[in-house]
Amino acid sequence: MADCEYVRQHYGVPACIGRRVVVYGKPAIISADRGHYIGITYDADRPGVIRNAHPTSEVEYLDMGTVRPMTRGQRRYLHWLEVADCFPDWKFGDWVKSSYAREADHA
């Protein structure tokens, strides 16, 4: 299924990743497909912070925009969450200093 297809079909709204929206009066961008919801990143939030919003509840759909990429630190921490079970004795700080973290920076 294409991004936000369910929301477009069932709620009849022009939702798609990259579309600018105003949710409860705050500017945002749709940055993820969350099934029955749209995943939005408010302009005031850091990139990668995605919140759920109901597609018809106080949402005004605007033109297309660009989703801001996550920062290097956010990408590194996300990768840590994916592989943390492989390093049960390590803390995030230990992992950041390792070669595994440097490999994640280039992925």
N, C-alpha and C. Protein backbone atom coordinates (compact mmCIF):
# COMPACT_ATOMS: atom_id res chain seq x y z
N MET A 1 0.84 -1.17 0.00
CA MET A 1 0.00 0.00 0.00
C MET A 1 0.89 1.25 0.00
N ALA A 2 0.53 2.23 -0.78
CA ALA A 2 1.29 3.48 -0.85
C ALA A 2 1.15 4.25 0.45
N ASP A 3 2.05 5.22 0.65
CA ASP A 3 2.02 5.95 1.91
C ASP A 3 0.69 6.67 2.10
N CYS A 4 0.11 6.49 3.27
CA CYS A 4 -1.14 7.12 3.71
C CYS A 4 -2.35 6.77 2.83
N GLU A 5 -2.27 5.68 2.08
CA GLU A 5 -3.37 5.31 1.20
C GLU A 5 -4.65 5.02 1.99
N TYR A 6 -4.52 4.31 3.10
CA TYR A 6 -5.70 4.01 3.92
C TYR A 6 -6.40 5.30 4.36
N VAL A 7 -5.62 6.24 4.84
CA VAL A 7 -6.18 7.52 5.32
C VAL A 7 -6.86 8.26 4.18
N ARG A 8 -6.22 8.28 3.01
CA ARG A 8 -6.82 8.97 1.86
C ARG A 8 -8.14 8.32 1.47
N GLN A 9 -8.18 6.99 1.43
CA GLN A 9 -9.39 6.29 0.99
C GLN A 9 -10.52 6.39 2.01
N HIS A 10 -10.22 6.19 3.27
CA HIS A 10 -11.27 6.12 4.28
C HIS A 10 -11.71 7.47 4.84
N TYR A 11 -10.82 8.44 4.83
CA TYR A 11 -11.17 9.75 5.39
C TYR A 11 -11.34 10.82 4.31
N GLY A 12 -10.94 10.51 3.07
CA GLY A 12 -11.11 11.45 1.97
C GLY A 12 -10.29 12.72 2.11
N VAL A 13 -9.08 12.59 2.62
CA VAL A 13 -8.19 13.75 2.80
C VAL A 13 -6.95 13.55 1.92
N PRO A 14 -6.27 14.64 1.55
CA PRO A 14 -5.09 14.53 0.68
C PRO A 14 -3.79 14.25 1.44
N ALA A 15 -3.83 13.31 2.37
CA ALA A 15 -2.64 13.02 3.19
C ALA A 15 -1.59 12.26 2.39
N CYS A 16 -0.34 12.68 2.52
CA CYS A 16 0.80 11.96 1.96
C CYS A 16 2.06 12.47 2.66
N ILE A 17 3.07 11.64 2.70
CA ILE A 17 4.30 12.03 3.38
C ILE A 17 4.91 13.22 2.65
N GLY A 18 5.24 14.24 3.41
CA GLY A 18 5.80 15.46 2.85
C GLY A 18 4.81 16.60 2.73
N ARG A 19 3.53 16.34 2.98
CA ARG A 19 2.52 17.41 2.89
C ARG A 19 2.56 18.26 4.15
N ARG A 20 2.54 19.57 3.96
CA ARG A 20 2.48 20.52 5.07
C ARG A 20 1.05 20.51 5.63
N VAL A 21 0.93 20.60 6.94
CA VAL A 21 -0.37 20.63 7.59
C VAL A 21 -0.32 21.62 8.76
N VAL A 22 -1.49 22.02 9.20
CA VAL A 22 -1.62 22.78 10.44
C VAL A 22 -2.52 21.93 11.33
N VAL A 23 -1.99 21.50 12.48
CA VAL A 23 -2.72 20.62 13.39
C VAL A 23 -2.94 21.37 14.70
N TYR A 24 -4.21 21.58 15.05
CA TYR A 24 -4.56 22.35 16.25
C TYR A 24 -3.84 23.70 16.28
N GLY A 25 -3.73 24.32 15.11
CA GLY A 25 -3.15 25.65 15.01
C GLY A 25 -1.63 25.69 14.93
N LYS A 26 -0.96 24.54 14.96
CA LYS A 26 0.50 24.52 14.91
C LYS A 26 0.96 23.95 13.57
N PRO A 27 1.92 24.60 12.89
CA PRO A 27 2.42 24.10 11.61
C PRO A 27 3.23 22.81 11.80
N ALA A 28 3.05 21.89 10.84
CA ALA A 28 3.74 20.60 10.91
C ALA A 28 3.87 20.05 9.50
N ILE A 29 4.48 18.86 9.41
CA ILE A 29 4.59 18.15 8.14
C ILE A 29 4.30 16.68 8.39
N ILE A 30 3.64 16.03 7.45
CA ILE A 30 3.38 14.60 7.58
C ILE A 30 4.69 13.88 7.28
N SER A 31 5.18 13.11 8.25
CA SER A 31 6.47 12.45 8.08
C SER A 31 6.40 10.94 8.20
N ALA A 32 5.21 10.37 8.47
CA ALA A 32 5.09 8.91 8.56
C ALA A 32 3.65 8.49 8.34
N ASP A 33 3.49 7.29 7.82
CA ASP A 33 2.18 6.67 7.68
C ASP A 33 1.97 5.83 8.94
N ARG A 34 0.95 6.14 9.71
CA ARG A 34 0.70 5.43 10.96
C ARG A 34 -0.64 4.68 10.91
N GLY A 35 -0.96 4.10 9.77
CA GLY A 35 -2.19 3.33 9.65
C GLY A 35 -3.41 4.22 9.61
N HIS A 36 -4.20 4.21 10.70
CA HIS A 36 -5.41 5.04 10.78
C HIS A 36 -5.08 6.49 11.10
N TYR A 37 -3.83 6.77 11.43
CA TYR A 37 -3.40 8.12 11.80
C TYR A 37 -2.34 8.62 10.81
N ILE A 38 -2.05 9.90 10.89
CA ILE A 38 -0.91 10.45 10.16
C ILE A 38 0.17 10.76 11.19
N GLY A 39 1.40 10.46 10.84
CA GLY A 39 2.53 10.77 11.71
C GLY A 39 3.05 12.14 11.33
N ILE A 40 3.00 13.08 12.27
CA ILE A 40 3.40 14.46 11.97
C ILE A 40 4.60 14.87 12.81
N THR A 41 5.39 15.77 12.25
CA THR A 41 6.48 16.41 12.98
C THR A 41 6.17 17.90 13.00
N TYR A 42 5.95 18.43 14.20
CA TYR A 42 5.71 19.86 14.32
C TYR A 42 6.98 20.62 13.96
N ASP A 43 6.83 21.80 13.40
CA ASP A 43 7.99 22.62 13.05
C ASP A 43 8.84 22.94 14.27
N ALA A 44 8.23 23.04 15.44
CA ALA A 44 8.97 23.38 16.66
C ALA A 44 9.72 22.17 17.24
N ASP A 45 9.38 20.95 16.79
CA ASP A 45 10.04 19.75 17.30
C ASP A 45 11.34 19.46 16.55
N ARG A 46 12.18 18.65 17.16
CA ARG A 46 13.39 18.20 16.48
C ARG A 46 13.00 17.26 15.35
N PRO A 47 13.80 17.19 14.29
CA PRO A 47 13.51 16.22 13.23
C PRO A 47 13.48 14.82 13.81
N GLY A 48 12.60 13.99 13.30
CA GLY A 48 12.52 12.61 13.77
C GLY A 48 11.55 12.42 14.92
N VAL A 49 11.06 13.50 15.53
CA VAL A 49 10.05 13.39 16.58
C VAL A 49 8.70 13.33 15.86
N ILE A 50 8.09 12.16 15.87
CA ILE A 50 6.85 11.95 15.12
C ILE A 50 5.71 11.69 16.10
N ARG A 51 4.65 12.44 15.93
CA ARG A 51 3.47 12.31 16.80
C ARG A 51 2.28 11.86 15.95
N ASN A 52 1.37 11.11 16.55
CA ASN A 52 0.17 10.69 15.85
C ASN A 52 -0.86 11.81 15.85
N ALA A 53 -1.56 11.95 14.74
CA ALA A 53 -2.67 12.90 14.64
C ALA A 53 -3.79 12.23 13.85
N HIS A 54 -5.02 12.45 14.29
CA HIS A 54 -6.16 11.92 13.54
C HIS A 54 -6.32 12.77 12.28
N PRO A 55 -6.50 12.14 11.13
CA PRO A 55 -6.51 12.87 9.86
C PRO A 55 -7.62 13.90 9.69
N THR A 56 -8.69 13.83 10.48
CA THR A 56 -9.77 14.80 10.31
C THR A 56 -9.98 15.68 11.53
N SER A 57 -9.20 15.53 12.56
CA SER A 57 -9.39 16.28 13.80
C SER A 57 -8.52 17.53 13.83
N GLU A 58 -9.13 18.66 13.45
CA GLU A 58 -8.42 19.95 13.49
C GLU A 58 -7.17 19.97 12.61
N VAL A 59 -7.22 19.29 11.45
CA VAL A 59 -6.08 19.26 10.54
C VAL A 59 -6.43 20.03 9.27
N GLU A 60 -5.59 20.98 8.92
CA GLU A 60 -5.73 21.73 7.67
C GLU A 60 -4.59 21.30 6.75
N TYR A 61 -4.92 20.79 5.57
CA TYR A 61 -3.92 20.30 4.63
C TYR A 61 -3.46 21.42 3.72
N LEU A 62 -2.15 21.55 3.55
CA LEU A 62 -1.56 22.62 2.74
C LEU A 62 -0.78 22.02 1.57
N ASP A 63 0.18 22.78 1.05
CA ASP A 63 1.01 22.33 -0.06
C ASP A 63 2.05 21.32 0.41
N MET A 64 2.84 20.84 -0.54
CA MET A 64 3.90 19.88 -0.23
C MET A 64 5.11 20.60 0.35
N GLY A 65 5.85 19.89 1.18
CA GLY A 65 7.07 20.41 1.79
C GLY A 65 8.13 19.32 1.80
N THR A 66 9.14 19.49 2.63
CA THR A 66 10.22 18.52 2.73
C THR A 66 10.35 18.07 4.18
N VAL A 67 10.36 16.75 4.38
CA VAL A 67 10.55 16.20 5.72
C VAL A 67 12.00 16.40 6.13
N ARG A 68 12.22 17.00 7.29
CA ARG A 68 13.59 17.23 7.77
C ARG A 68 14.21 15.90 8.21
N PRO A 69 15.44 15.63 7.81
CA PRO A 69 16.08 14.38 8.23
C PRO A 69 16.47 14.42 9.70
N MET A 70 16.57 13.22 10.31
CA MET A 70 17.00 13.14 11.70
C MET A 70 18.45 13.59 11.81
N THR A 71 18.82 14.08 12.98
CA THR A 71 20.21 14.47 13.22
C THR A 71 21.07 13.21 13.33
N ARG A 72 22.38 13.38 13.23
CA ARG A 72 23.29 12.24 13.34
C ARG A 72 23.12 11.53 14.69
N GLY A 73 22.99 12.29 15.74
CA GLY A 73 22.80 11.70 17.06
C GLY A 73 21.50 10.91 17.17
N GLN A 74 20.44 11.41 16.56
CA GLN A 74 19.17 10.69 16.57
C GLN A 74 19.27 9.39 15.79
N ARG A 75 19.94 9.43 14.63
CA ARG A 75 20.13 8.21 13.84
C ARG A 75 20.94 7.18 14.62
N ARG A 76 21.99 7.66 15.29
CA ARG A 76 22.85 6.77 16.07
C ARG A 76 22.05 6.11 17.20
N TYR A 77 21.25 6.89 17.90
CA TYR A 77 20.46 6.34 19.01
C TYR A 77 19.41 5.36 18.49
N LEU A 78 18.78 5.66 17.37
CA LEU A 78 17.81 4.75 16.78
C LEU A 78 18.47 3.43 16.43
N HIS A 79 19.67 3.49 15.88
CA HIS A 79 20.40 2.26 15.56
C HIS A 79 20.73 1.50 16.84
N TRP A 80 21.11 2.21 17.89
CA TRP A 80 21.39 1.57 19.19
C TRP A 80 20.15 0.82 19.68
N LEU A 81 18.98 1.41 19.57
CA LEU A 81 17.76 0.74 20.01
C LEU A 81 17.52 -0.55 19.23
N GLU A 82 17.92 -0.56 17.96
CA GLU A 82 17.73 -1.74 17.13
C GLU A 82 18.68 -2.87 17.50
N VAL A 83 19.89 -2.54 17.98
CA VAL A 83 20.91 -3.57 18.23
C VAL A 83 21.25 -3.75 19.70
N ALA A 84 20.60 -3.03 20.60
CA ALA A 84 20.97 -3.05 22.02
C ALA A 84 20.93 -4.45 22.63
N ASP A 85 20.03 -5.30 22.17
CA ASP A 85 19.95 -6.65 22.71
C ASP A 85 21.21 -7.46 22.45
N CYS A 86 21.96 -7.08 21.43
CA CYS A 86 23.21 -7.80 21.11
C CYS A 86 24.34 -7.43 22.06
N PHE A 87 24.19 -6.35 22.80
CA PHE A 87 25.23 -5.87 23.71
C PHE A 87 24.64 -5.68 25.11
N PRO A 88 24.27 -6.77 25.79
CA PRO A 88 23.55 -6.63 27.06
C PRO A 88 24.33 -5.93 28.17
N ASP A 89 25.66 -5.97 28.13
CA ASP A 89 26.46 -5.36 29.19
C ASP A 89 26.86 -3.92 28.87
N TRP A 90 26.52 -3.44 27.68
CA TRP A 90 26.94 -2.11 27.26
C TRP A 90 25.85 -1.09 27.57
N LYS A 91 26.29 0.12 27.83
CA LYS A 91 25.39 1.27 27.91
C LYS A 91 25.52 2.02 26.58
N PHE A 92 24.61 2.94 26.33
CA PHE A 92 24.65 3.68 25.07
C PHE A 92 25.99 4.38 24.88
N GLY A 93 26.54 4.95 25.94
CA GLY A 93 27.83 5.64 25.85
C GLY A 93 28.95 4.72 25.43
N ASP A 94 28.94 3.46 25.90
CA ASP A 94 29.94 2.48 25.48
C ASP A 94 29.81 2.19 24.00
N TRP A 95 28.58 2.05 23.56
CA TRP A 95 28.34 1.70 22.17
C TRP A 95 28.75 2.84 21.24
N VAL A 96 28.49 4.09 21.65
CA VAL A 96 28.84 5.25 20.82
C VAL A 96 30.33 5.28 20.54
N LYS A 97 31.14 4.86 21.50
CA LYS A 97 32.60 4.87 21.34
C LYS A 97 33.10 3.69 20.50
N SER A 98 32.23 2.74 20.20
CA SER A 98 32.66 1.52 19.50
C SER A 98 32.68 1.72 17.99
N SER A 99 33.28 0.76 17.32
CA SER A 99 33.32 0.78 15.85
C SER A 99 31.93 0.52 15.26
N TYR A 100 31.05 -0.14 16.01
CA TYR A 100 29.70 -0.41 15.52
C TYR A 100 28.93 0.89 15.29
N ALA A 101 29.12 1.83 16.18
CA ALA A 101 28.44 3.12 16.04
C ALA A 101 28.97 3.88 14.84
N ARG A 102 30.27 3.81 14.62
CA ARG A 102 30.85 4.50 13.46
C ARG A 102 30.34 3.88 12.16
N GLU A 103 30.14 2.57 12.16
CA GLU A 103 29.57 1.92 10.97
C GLU A 103 28.15 2.40 10.73
N ALA A 104 27.40 2.61 11.80
CA ALA A 104 26.01 3.08 11.67
C ALA A 104 25.96 4.49 11.10
N ASP A 105 26.98 5.31 11.40
CA ASP A 105 27.01 6.67 10.86
C ASP A 105 27.11 6.68 9.34
N HIS A 106 27.70 5.64 8.78
CA HIS A 106 27.91 5.59 7.33
C HIS A 106 26.82 4.80 6.62
N ALA A 107 25.90 4.24 7.38
CA ALA A 107 24.83 3.43 6.76
C ALA A 107 23.73 4.31 6.24
